[in-house]
N, C-alpha and C. Protein backbone atom coordinates (compact mmCIF):
# COMPACT_ATOMS: atom_id res chain seq x y z
N MET A 1 5.71 11.65 -13.81
CA MET A 1 5.43 12.42 -14.70
C MET A 1 4.90 13.70 -14.69
N ARG A 2 5.33 14.86 -15.32
CA ARG A 2 4.89 16.14 -14.99
C ARG A 2 3.76 16.55 -15.96
N TYR A 3 2.76 17.28 -15.15
CA TYR A 3 1.47 17.43 -15.51
C TYR A 3 1.52 19.28 -15.78
N GLU A 4 0.87 19.66 -16.71
CA GLU A 4 0.76 20.91 -16.80
C GLU A 4 -0.27 21.76 -15.81
N TYR A 5 -1.26 20.93 -15.53
CA TYR A 5 -2.16 21.40 -14.85
C TYR A 5 -2.85 20.06 -14.08
N VAL A 6 -2.99 20.58 -12.70
CA VAL A 6 -3.59 19.48 -11.77
C VAL A 6 -4.95 20.08 -10.85
N VAL A 7 -5.70 19.56 -11.32
CA VAL A 7 -7.16 20.18 -10.88
C VAL A 7 -7.43 19.11 -9.61
N ALA A 8 -7.76 19.53 -8.31
CA ALA A 8 -8.09 19.02 -7.42
C ALA A 8 -9.90 19.09 -6.71
N LEU A 9 -10.44 17.93 -7.03
CA LEU A 9 -11.81 17.84 -6.89
C LEU A 9 -12.59 17.37 -5.54
N LYS A 10 -13.59 18.02 -5.03
CA LYS A 10 -14.02 17.75 -3.81
C LYS A 10 -14.45 16.30 -3.55
N ARG A 11 -14.22 15.86 -2.54
CA ARG A 11 -14.77 14.17 -2.27
C ARG A 11 -15.87 14.56 -1.36
N GLU A 12 -16.95 13.73 -1.67
CA GLU A 12 -18.21 13.82 -0.56
C GLU A 12 -18.26 13.25 0.26
N ASN A 13 -17.57 11.95 0.05
CA ASN A 13 -17.77 10.76 1.26
C ASN A 13 -16.78 10.66 2.10
N ALA A 14 -16.17 12.05 2.77
CA ALA A 14 -15.62 11.74 3.56
C ALA A 14 -16.45 11.45 5.11
N ARG A 15 -17.51 12.25 5.02
CA ARG A 15 -18.32 12.27 6.49
C ARG A 15 -18.99 10.89 6.57
N ARG A 16 -18.92 10.22 5.34
CA ARG A 16 -19.79 8.67 4.92
C ARG A 16 -18.49 7.88 5.61
N THR A 17 -17.28 8.27 5.40
CA THR A 17 -16.38 7.42 5.64
C THR A 17 -16.04 7.58 7.16
N ASP A 18 -16.05 8.73 7.63
CA ASP A 18 -16.01 8.84 9.17
C ASP A 18 -17.01 8.06 9.86
N PHE A 19 -18.46 8.50 9.51
CA PHE A 19 -19.25 7.70 10.18
C PHE A 19 -19.19 6.26 10.25
N ALA A 20 -18.83 5.45 9.03
CA ALA A 20 -18.43 4.12 9.05
C ALA A 20 -17.12 3.69 9.95
N SER A 21 -16.47 4.57 9.76
CA SER A 21 -15.39 4.15 10.97
C SER A 21 -15.70 4.08 12.55
N PHE A 22 -16.47 5.46 12.74
CA PHE A 22 -16.82 5.56 14.34
C PHE A 22 -17.96 4.28 14.40
N PHE A 23 -18.50 3.98 13.35
CA PHE A 23 -19.97 2.61 13.43
C PHE A 23 -18.85 1.58 13.79
N LEU A 24 -17.77 1.34 13.25
CA LEU A 24 -16.92 0.08 13.37
C LEU A 24 -16.30 0.35 14.91
N LEU A 25 -15.86 1.24 15.39
CA LEU A 25 -15.27 1.45 16.77
C LEU A 25 -16.27 1.17 17.79
N VAL A 26 -17.37 1.76 17.69
CA VAL A 26 -18.81 1.53 18.46
C VAL A 26 -19.08 0.13 18.71
N PHE A 27 -18.93 -0.43 17.46
CA PHE A 27 -19.67 -1.82 17.55
C PHE A 27 -18.28 -2.71 18.18
N SER A 28 -17.40 -2.40 18.07
CA SER A 28 -15.99 -3.22 18.52
C SER A 28 -16.37 -2.93 20.27
N VAL A 29 -16.50 -1.80 20.56
CA VAL A 29 -16.32 -1.59 22.03
C VAL A 29 -17.79 -2.28 22.52
N LEU A 30 -18.91 -2.29 21.92
CA LEU A 30 -20.12 -2.94 22.58
C LEU A 30 -19.83 -4.48 22.43
N ALA A 31 -19.04 -4.97 21.42
CA ALA A 31 -18.72 -6.50 21.38
C ALA A 31 -18.12 -6.99 22.50
N PHE A 32 -16.84 -6.14 22.86
CA PHE A 32 -15.76 -6.23 23.87
C PHE A 32 -16.65 -6.18 25.33
N ILE A 33 -17.25 -5.45 25.43
CA ILE A 33 -18.43 -5.15 26.43
C ILE A 33 -19.08 -6.27 26.76
N LEU A 34 -20.20 -6.60 25.87
CA LEU A 34 -21.33 -7.61 25.91
C LEU A 34 -20.57 -8.90 26.04
N LEU A 35 -19.51 -9.12 25.52
CA LEU A 35 -18.78 -10.49 25.63
C LEU A 35 -18.53 -10.96 27.16
N GLN A 36 -18.13 -9.69 27.79
CA GLN A 36 -17.46 -10.04 29.39
C GLN A 36 -19.06 -10.18 30.13
N ILE A 37 -19.86 -9.17 29.73
CA ILE A 37 -21.26 -9.08 30.64
C ILE A 37 -21.95 -10.72 30.25
N ARG A 38 -21.95 -11.11 29.08
CA ARG A 38 -22.61 -12.70 28.65
C ARG A 38 -21.65 -13.82 29.21
N SER A 39 -20.61 -13.76 29.39
CA SER A 39 -19.97 -14.65 29.85
C SER A 39 -19.55 -14.70 31.45
N PHE A 40 -19.87 -13.45 31.75
CA PHE A 40 -19.83 -13.30 33.67
C PHE A 40 -18.61 -13.31 34.02
N ARG A 41 -17.49 -12.90 33.18
CA ARG A 41 -15.85 -13.09 33.38
C ARG A 41 -15.49 -11.54 32.85
N PHE A 42 -14.50 -11.46 33.68
CA PHE A 42 -13.76 -9.59 33.51
C PHE A 42 -12.83 -10.06 32.60
N SER A 43 -12.50 -9.19 31.93
CA SER A 43 -11.24 -9.57 30.88
C SER A 43 -10.30 -8.10 30.81
N TYR A 44 -9.13 -8.75 31.25
CA TYR A 44 -8.39 -7.12 31.54
C TYR A 44 -8.05 -6.81 29.97
N PHE A 45 -7.77 -7.63 29.21
CA PHE A 45 -7.63 -7.51 27.67
C PHE A 45 -8.89 -6.66 27.08
N LEU A 46 -9.95 -7.32 26.95
CA LEU A 46 -11.11 -6.81 26.39
C LEU A 46 -11.65 -5.47 26.99
N SER A 47 -11.25 -5.24 28.47
CA SER A 47 -11.75 -4.00 28.89
C SER A 47 -10.66 -2.89 28.61
N PHE A 48 -9.44 -3.29 28.36
CA PHE A 48 -8.24 -2.04 28.32
C PHE A 48 -8.60 -1.99 26.66
N ALA A 49 -8.97 -2.89 25.81
CA ALA A 49 -9.41 -2.45 24.46
C ALA A 49 -10.47 -1.67 24.05
N ALA A 50 -11.90 -1.95 25.07
CA ALA A 50 -12.72 -0.92 25.19
C ALA A 50 -12.32 0.57 25.60
N LEU A 51 -11.47 0.46 26.62
CA LEU A 51 -10.92 1.55 26.81
C LEU A 51 -10.19 2.52 26.09
N ILE A 52 -9.43 2.13 25.16
CA ILE A 52 -8.61 2.40 24.05
C ILE A 52 -9.31 2.77 23.10
N LEU A 53 -10.55 2.18 22.65
CA LEU A 53 -11.09 2.67 21.42
C LEU A 53 -11.73 3.79 22.10
N ILE A 54 -12.71 3.79 23.18
CA ILE A 54 -13.36 4.94 23.67
C ILE A 54 -12.60 6.06 23.53
N THR A 55 -11.38 5.79 24.11
CA THR A 55 -10.41 7.22 23.98
C THR A 55 -10.22 7.78 22.45
N GLY A 56 -10.09 6.72 21.70
CA GLY A 56 -9.58 7.39 20.21
C GLY A 56 -10.96 7.76 19.90
N MET A 57 -12.21 7.35 20.33
CA MET A 57 -13.49 8.14 19.42
C MET A 57 -13.50 9.26 20.32
N LEU A 58 -13.41 9.40 21.44
CA LEU A 58 -13.28 10.97 22.14
C LEU A 58 -12.59 11.97 21.86
N GLN A 59 -11.12 11.31 21.30
CA GLN A 59 -10.20 12.32 20.66
C GLN A 59 -10.66 12.72 19.34
N ASN A 60 -11.41 12.07 18.81
CA ASN A 60 -11.83 12.60 17.33
C ASN A 60 -12.95 13.40 17.41
N ILE A 61 -14.03 12.87 18.34
CA ILE A 61 -14.92 14.04 18.62
C ILE A 61 -14.41 15.66 19.11
N PHE A 62 -13.48 15.32 19.78
CA PHE A 62 -13.14 16.47 20.27
C PHE A 62 -12.27 17.50 19.01
N ALA A 63 -11.37 16.57 18.33
CA ALA A 63 -10.59 17.43 17.09
C ALA A 63 -12.12 18.10 16.23
N ALA A 64 -12.95 17.05 15.89
CA ALA A 64 -14.17 17.50 15.28
C ALA A 64 -14.75 19.00 15.66
N ARG A 65 -14.79 18.92 16.80
CA ARG A 65 -15.63 20.19 17.51
C ARG A 65 -14.59 21.43 17.09
N LYS A 66 -13.31 21.15 17.35
CA LYS A 66 -12.05 22.36 16.95
C LYS A 66 -12.07 22.73 15.36
N GLY A 67 -12.67 21.84 14.59
CA GLY A 67 -12.52 22.01 13.33
C GLY A 67 -11.40 21.37 12.44
N LYS A 68 -10.42 20.23 13.35
CA LYS A 68 -9.33 19.72 12.96
C LYS A 68 -9.78 18.56 12.16
N GLU A 69 -8.82 17.81 11.41
CA GLU A 69 -9.12 16.87 10.69
C GLU A 69 -9.53 15.32 11.71
N ILE A 70 -10.27 14.47 11.21
CA ILE A 70 -10.76 13.68 11.87
C ILE A 70 -9.64 12.29 11.13
N ILE A 71 -9.31 11.62 12.06
CA ILE A 71 -8.30 10.30 11.35
C ILE A 71 -8.52 9.12 12.43
N PHE A 72 -9.33 8.22 11.89
CA PHE A 72 -9.66 6.78 12.58
C PHE A 72 -8.78 5.73 12.04
N ARG A 73 -7.58 5.95 11.03
CA ARG A 73 -6.84 4.99 10.89
C ARG A 73 -6.30 4.17 11.84
N ASN A 74 -5.66 5.15 12.63
CA ASN A 74 -4.69 4.07 13.76
C ASN A 74 -6.00 3.64 15.00
N TRP A 75 -6.71 4.00 14.98
CA TRP A 75 -7.98 3.38 15.95
C TRP A 75 -8.45 2.39 15.22
N LEU A 76 -8.78 2.02 14.00
CA LEU A 76 -9.03 1.02 13.13
C LEU A 76 -8.04 -0.15 13.21
N LEU A 77 -6.81 0.46 13.02
CA LEU A 77 -5.92 -0.80 13.37
C LEU A 77 -5.86 -1.37 14.83
N ALA A 78 -5.87 -0.63 15.36
CA ALA A 78 -5.90 -0.82 16.94
C ALA A 78 -7.28 -1.91 17.27
N ALA A 79 -8.16 -1.62 16.59
CA ALA A 79 -9.65 -2.33 16.70
C ALA A 79 -9.40 -3.74 16.29
N GLY A 80 -8.72 -3.78 15.15
CA GLY A 80 -8.57 -5.09 14.21
C GLY A 80 -7.81 -5.78 15.07
N VAL A 81 -6.51 -5.46 15.89
CA VAL A 81 -5.55 -6.30 16.44
C VAL A 81 -6.38 -6.62 17.76
N PHE A 82 -7.04 -5.80 18.41
CA PHE A 82 -8.19 -6.35 19.55
C PHE A 82 -8.94 -7.35 19.14
N TRP A 83 -9.28 -7.40 18.22
CA TRP A 83 -10.37 -8.74 17.45
C TRP A 83 -9.53 -9.86 17.50
N ILE A 84 -8.34 -10.04 17.58
CA ILE A 84 -7.63 -11.28 17.40
C ILE A 84 -7.87 -11.93 18.99
N GLY A 85 -8.01 -11.32 19.93
CA GLY A 85 -8.29 -11.54 21.62
C GLY A 85 -9.67 -12.00 21.80
N MET A 86 -10.55 -11.98 20.76
CA MET A 86 -12.07 -12.25 21.16
C MET A 86 -11.95 -14.24 20.71
N PRO A 87 -12.92 -14.35 21.41
CA PRO A 87 -12.76 -16.08 21.11
C PRO A 87 -13.78 -16.36 19.78
N PHE A 88 -14.16 -15.09 19.34
CA PHE A 88 -14.84 -15.64 17.63
C PHE A 88 -14.32 -14.15 17.03
N PHE A 89 -14.91 -14.41 15.61
CA PHE A 89 -14.67 -13.65 14.68
C PHE A 89 -13.41 -12.67 14.59
N GLN A 90 -12.17 -13.54 14.48
CA GLN A 90 -10.94 -13.03 14.93
C GLN A 90 -10.62 -12.75 13.18
N TRP A 91 -11.35 -13.00 12.30
CA TRP A 91 -11.36 -12.57 10.94
C TRP A 91 -11.44 -10.93 10.78
N MET A 92 -12.29 -10.56 11.80
CA MET A 92 -12.58 -9.26 11.68
C MET A 92 -11.31 -8.38 11.65
N ILE A 93 -10.12 -8.39 12.03
CA ILE A 93 -8.99 -7.86 11.51
C ILE A 93 -8.82 -7.52 10.10
N LEU A 94 -9.51 -8.49 9.29
CA LEU A 94 -9.22 -8.26 7.99
C LEU A 94 -10.00 -7.01 7.67
N LEU A 95 -11.42 -6.66 7.93
CA LEU A 95 -12.07 -5.97 7.64
C LEU A 95 -11.75 -4.50 8.08
N PHE A 96 -11.03 -4.60 9.72
CA PHE A 96 -10.59 -3.34 10.17
C PHE A 96 -9.28 -2.93 9.42
N ILE A 97 -8.35 -4.04 8.67
CA ILE A 97 -7.27 -3.53 8.18
C ILE A 97 -7.54 -2.78 6.73
N PHE A 98 -8.75 -3.49 6.16
CA PHE A 98 -9.35 -2.81 4.81
C PHE A 98 -9.73 -1.37 5.01
N PHE A 99 -10.49 -1.04 5.87
CA PHE A 99 -10.91 0.21 6.32
C PHE A 99 -10.00 1.30 6.64
N ALA A 100 -9.25 0.65 7.54
CA ALA A 100 -7.91 1.60 7.89
C ALA A 100 -7.06 1.97 6.63
N VAL A 101 -6.88 1.27 5.62
CA VAL A 101 -5.81 1.25 4.31
C VAL A 101 -6.65 2.38 3.47
N PHE A 102 -7.97 2.17 3.09
CA PHE A 102 -8.64 3.01 2.43
C PHE A 102 -9.19 4.00 2.82
N GLU A 103 -9.04 4.65 4.39
CA GLU A 103 -9.63 5.51 5.01
C GLU A 103 -9.08 6.65 4.28
N SER A 104 -7.58 6.97 4.38
CA SER A 104 -7.09 8.04 3.64
C SER A 104 -7.06 8.25 2.02
N GLN A 105 -7.22 7.27 1.74
CA GLN A 105 -8.05 7.25 0.10
C GLN A 105 -9.18 7.98 -0.25
N ALA A 106 -9.98 7.66 0.89
CA ALA A 106 -11.50 7.87 0.35
C ALA A 106 -11.46 9.37 0.86
N LYS A 107 -10.71 9.76 1.90
CA LYS A 107 -10.73 11.46 2.07
C LYS A 107 -10.06 12.30 1.14
N TYR A 108 -9.19 11.81 0.59
CA TYR A 108 -8.09 12.29 -0.21
C TYR A 108 -8.73 12.84 -0.97
N PRO A 109 -8.56 14.37 -1.46
CA PRO A 109 -9.18 14.96 -2.43
C PRO A 109 -8.76 14.31 -3.94
N LEU A 110 -9.69 14.16 -4.84
CA LEU A 110 -9.60 13.23 -6.21
C LEU A 110 -8.91 14.60 -6.89
N GLU A 111 -7.51 14.18 -7.31
CA GLU A 111 -6.53 14.92 -8.28
C GLU A 111 -6.58 14.65 -9.60
N ILE A 112 -6.81 15.34 -10.58
CA ILE A 112 -6.77 15.04 -11.86
C ILE A 112 -5.50 15.60 -12.67
N GLY A 113 -4.65 15.04 -13.24
CA GLY A 113 -3.55 15.48 -14.07
C GLY A 113 -3.94 15.55 -15.30
N PHE A 114 -3.33 16.93 -16.01
CA PHE A 114 -3.36 16.88 -17.53
C PHE A 114 -2.25 17.38 -18.14
N ASN A 115 -1.77 16.57 -19.00
CA ASN A 115 -0.51 16.81 -19.65
C ASN A 115 -0.69 16.80 -21.30
N LYS A 116 0.13 16.87 -22.16
CA LYS A 116 0.12 16.72 -23.51
C LYS A 116 -0.60 15.30 -23.82
N ASN A 117 -0.12 14.29 -23.45
CA ASN A 117 -0.27 12.93 -23.73
C ASN A 117 -1.37 12.52 -23.35
N GLU A 118 -2.02 12.82 -21.95
CA GLU A 118 -3.16 12.07 -21.52
C GLU A 118 -3.62 12.94 -20.05
N ILE A 119 -4.77 12.23 -19.82
CA ILE A 119 -5.42 12.85 -18.45
C ILE A 119 -5.08 11.44 -17.45
N VAL A 120 -4.82 11.87 -16.06
CA VAL A 120 -4.65 10.75 -15.35
C VAL A 120 -5.40 11.10 -13.69
N LEU A 121 -6.39 10.50 -13.59
CA LEU A 121 -7.14 10.50 -12.38
C LEU A 121 -6.52 9.65 -11.19
N ASN A 122 -6.00 10.52 -10.14
CA ASN A 122 -5.28 10.05 -9.24
C ASN A 122 -6.21 9.10 -7.90
N THR A 123 -6.41 8.31 -8.40
CA THR A 123 -7.44 7.36 -7.44
C THR A 123 -6.48 6.13 -7.08
N PHE A 124 -6.88 5.22 -6.21
CA PHE A 124 -5.91 4.12 -5.89
C PHE A 124 -5.14 3.45 -6.74
N PHE A 125 -6.22 2.86 -7.79
CA PHE A 125 -5.35 2.34 -8.88
C PHE A 125 -5.35 3.68 -10.20
N LYS A 126 -4.29 4.07 -10.58
CA LYS A 126 -4.56 5.24 -11.43
C LYS A 126 -5.10 5.15 -12.73
N LYS A 127 -6.21 5.95 -12.97
CA LYS A 127 -6.93 5.72 -14.29
C LYS A 127 -6.22 6.81 -15.35
N LYS A 128 -6.04 6.01 -16.50
CA LYS A 128 -5.74 7.09 -17.43
C LYS A 128 -6.61 7.20 -18.61
N ILE A 129 -6.90 8.57 -19.12
CA ILE A 129 -7.63 8.97 -19.75
C ILE A 129 -7.10 9.62 -21.27
N SER A 130 -7.09 8.74 -22.33
CA SER A 130 -6.45 9.57 -23.54
C SER A 130 -7.43 10.55 -24.06
N TRP A 131 -6.67 11.78 -24.40
CA TRP A 131 -7.44 12.71 -25.04
C TRP A 131 -8.21 12.72 -26.15
N LYS A 132 -8.03 11.21 -26.99
CA LYS A 132 -8.78 10.89 -27.98
C LYS A 132 -10.10 10.50 -27.40
N GLU A 133 -10.54 9.93 -26.31
CA GLU A 133 -11.36 9.89 -25.71
C GLU A 133 -12.70 10.91 -25.45
N LEU A 134 -12.09 12.06 -25.75
CA LEU A 134 -12.87 13.07 -25.02
C LEU A 134 -13.52 14.20 -26.19
N ASN A 135 -14.36 14.49 -25.99
CA ASN A 135 -15.33 15.61 -26.92
C ASN A 135 -14.70 16.88 -26.49
N ALA A 136 -14.77 17.06 -24.91
CA ALA A 136 -14.36 18.28 -24.58
C ALA A 136 -14.09 18.49 -22.91
N VAL A 137 -13.29 19.27 -22.61
CA VAL A 137 -13.07 19.40 -21.10
C VAL A 137 -13.15 20.78 -20.84
N ILE A 138 -13.79 20.98 -19.95
CA ILE A 138 -14.17 22.64 -19.53
C ILE A 138 -14.34 22.91 -18.12
N LEU A 139 -13.84 23.77 -17.57
CA LEU A 139 -13.65 24.13 -16.37
C LEU A 139 -14.28 25.63 -16.01
N LYS A 140 -15.97 25.38 -15.44
CA LYS A 140 -16.62 26.23 -15.45
C LYS A 140 -17.22 26.97 -14.31
N ASP A 141 -17.03 27.87 -13.61
CA ASP A 141 -17.67 28.00 -12.17
C ASP A 141 -17.77 27.09 -11.04
N GLY A 142 -16.13 26.57 -10.96
CA GLY A 142 -15.83 25.58 -10.30
C GLY A 142 -16.29 24.36 -10.17
N ILE A 143 -16.42 23.73 -11.58
CA ILE A 143 -16.82 22.72 -11.89
C ILE A 143 -16.15 22.12 -13.10
N LEU A 144 -15.67 20.81 -12.93
CA LEU A 144 -14.84 20.55 -14.23
C LEU A 144 -15.96 19.44 -14.83
N THR A 145 -15.74 19.68 -16.09
CA THR A 145 -16.71 18.65 -16.95
C THR A 145 -15.60 17.77 -17.85
N LEU A 146 -15.85 16.67 -17.93
CA LEU A 146 -15.46 15.90 -19.20
C LEU A 146 -16.31 15.41 -19.73
N ASP A 147 -16.60 15.71 -21.15
CA ASP A 147 -17.61 15.31 -21.93
C ASP A 147 -16.96 13.91 -22.91
N PHE A 148 -17.07 12.83 -22.87
CA PHE A 148 -16.35 11.35 -23.77
C PHE A 148 -17.32 11.41 -24.81
N ARG A 149 -16.39 11.00 -25.68
CA ARG A 149 -17.08 10.64 -27.03
C ARG A 149 -18.07 9.27 -27.02
N ASN A 150 -17.72 8.66 -25.83
CA ASN A 150 -19.01 7.68 -25.88
C ASN A 150 -20.36 7.90 -24.98
N ASN A 151 -20.59 9.31 -25.10
CA ASN A 151 -21.79 9.97 -24.35
C ASN A 151 -21.99 9.76 -23.04
N LYS A 152 -20.66 9.54 -22.38
CA LYS A 152 -20.40 9.48 -20.70
C LYS A 152 -20.10 11.10 -20.34
N LEU A 153 -20.78 11.46 -19.31
CA LEU A 153 -20.41 12.80 -18.95
C LEU A 153 -19.68 12.64 -17.23
N PHE A 154 -18.53 13.40 -16.99
CA PHE A 154 -17.93 13.43 -15.74
C PHE A 154 -18.24 14.84 -15.24
N GLN A 155 -18.89 14.99 -14.18
CA GLN A 155 -18.82 16.36 -13.58
C GLN A 155 -18.64 16.55 -12.17
N LYS A 156 -17.81 16.95 -11.48
CA LYS A 156 -17.56 17.20 -10.32
C LYS A 156 -16.83 18.40 -9.84
N GLU A 157 -17.43 19.05 -8.70
CA GLU A 157 -17.06 20.23 -7.87
C GLU A 157 -15.37 20.39 -7.37
N VAL A 158 -14.97 21.50 -8.21
CA VAL A 158 -13.68 21.51 -8.02
C VAL A 158 -13.52 22.35 -6.36
N LEU A 159 -12.15 21.48 -5.86
CA LEU A 159 -11.58 21.67 -4.32
C LEU A 159 -11.63 23.04 -4.43
N ASP A 160 -12.20 23.85 -3.23
CA ASP A 160 -12.41 25.75 -3.20
C ASP A 160 -10.76 25.80 -2.88
N ASP A 161 -10.36 26.38 -3.60
CA ASP A 161 -8.77 26.82 -3.63
C ASP A 161 -8.77 28.60 -3.50
N GLU A 162 -8.19 29.03 -2.65
CA GLU A 162 -8.04 30.53 -2.56
C GLU A 162 -7.17 31.16 -3.70
N GLU A 163 -6.14 30.51 -4.21
CA GLU A 163 -5.15 30.74 -4.91
C GLU A 163 -5.11 29.65 -6.31
N PRO A 164 -5.65 29.52 -7.12
CA PRO A 164 -5.70 28.61 -7.94
C PRO A 164 -4.51 28.67 -9.07
N ASP A 165 -3.84 27.46 -9.24
CA ASP A 165 -2.57 27.77 -10.40
C ASP A 165 -2.83 28.30 -11.46
N ALA A 166 -4.01 28.31 -12.11
CA ALA A 166 -3.98 28.91 -13.26
C ALA A 166 -5.86 29.18 -13.53
N ASP A 167 -6.21 30.36 -14.30
CA ASP A 167 -7.53 30.32 -14.31
C ASP A 167 -8.06 29.77 -15.18
N GLU A 168 -9.78 29.75 -15.06
CA GLU A 168 -10.42 28.83 -15.91
C GLU A 168 -10.14 29.10 -17.57
N ASP A 169 -9.88 30.53 -17.73
CA ASP A 169 -9.89 30.81 -19.15
C ASP A 169 -8.41 30.11 -19.79
N GLU A 170 -7.53 29.93 -18.86
CA GLU A 170 -5.98 29.35 -19.67
C GLU A 170 -6.23 27.91 -19.65
N PHE A 171 -6.77 27.39 -18.57
CA PHE A 171 -7.14 25.96 -18.44
C PHE A 171 -8.06 25.55 -19.75
N ASN A 172 -9.10 26.15 -20.18
CA ASN A 172 -10.01 25.64 -20.91
C ASN A 172 -9.52 25.96 -22.22
N LEU A 173 -8.45 26.88 -22.64
CA LEU A 173 -8.06 27.28 -23.88
C LEU A 173 -6.95 26.04 -23.96
N TYR A 174 -6.07 25.71 -22.81
CA TYR A 174 -5.05 24.65 -23.09
C TYR A 174 -5.59 23.25 -23.36
N CYS A 175 -7.02 22.89 -22.72
CA CYS A 175 -7.35 21.61 -23.17
C CYS A 175 -8.10 21.69 -24.70
N ARG A 176 -8.74 23.09 -25.09
CA ARG A 176 -9.21 23.12 -26.23
C ARG A 176 -8.43 23.01 -27.36
N GLU A 177 -7.00 23.50 -27.32
CA GLU A 177 -5.75 23.17 -28.14
C GLU A 177 -5.61 21.79 -28.35
N HIS A 178 -5.39 21.02 -27.25
CA HIS A 178 -5.18 19.78 -27.35
C HIS A 178 -6.10 19.03 -28.23
N LEU A 179 -7.72 18.94 -27.72
CA LEU A 179 -8.67 18.17 -28.34
C LEU A 179 -8.64 18.76 -30.03
N GLU A 180 -8.39 20.16 -30.50
CA GLU A 180 -8.48 20.39 -32.02
C GLU A 180 -7.47 19.72 -32.48
N LYS A 181 -5.98 19.86 -31.96
CA LYS A 181 -4.87 19.32 -32.74
C LYS A 181 -5.43 17.71 -32.64
N LEU A 182 -5.85 16.85 -31.90
CA LEU A 182 -6.30 15.64 -32.38
C LEU A 182 -7.16 15.78 -33.52
N MET A 183 -7.88 16.53 -33.38
CA MET A 183 -9.22 16.48 -34.80
C MET A 183 -8.19 17.11 -35.70
N VAL A 184 -7.34 17.61 -35.84
CA VAL A 184 -6.77 18.25 -37.28
C VAL A 184 -5.61 16.90 -37.36
N ASP A 185 -4.90 16.25 -36.20
CA ASP A 185 -3.97 14.98 -37.01
C ASP A 185 -4.94 13.94 -37.14
N GLY A 186 -5.82 13.67 -36.37
CA GLY A 186 -6.60 12.16 -36.59
C GLY A 186 -7.28 12.17 -37.52
């Protein structure tokens, strides 16, 4: 579907997602090491798993220091596979697959597409909003506001973009025209 305007919004939970992913990897490394210590048995598989996950965590720490994007998806999938080799809690692979799949969605900027028929939020399950559900749509000072007829208010900060596709006045005029057209037709 073609959108006349697409507004990208900031995601505040990228740091929380990274923290949760890092915590899951640390938890896995500790579990793999503690199992060997408590059972008084050395396991090449669990030692290799811990070493691989530590490597992944260090790689992400160095990437963060250089200002690069941190991606845990592959390391979370690896940790999940390594949990299969544990004598207990093999179901943890499901948790790690869940976090790996949803990590990119949680970090990806939320995009809202506007066209003459509807407004679509680009979430994991696309959410469609009819123009009829809205009183106003305003983009002002880097904040997008959707004022719903049922007294709900949606406000989010727009992603910093050096060259926006359109200026705020043009976008606000477009939205106002659609809402006024509905008032006249409806």
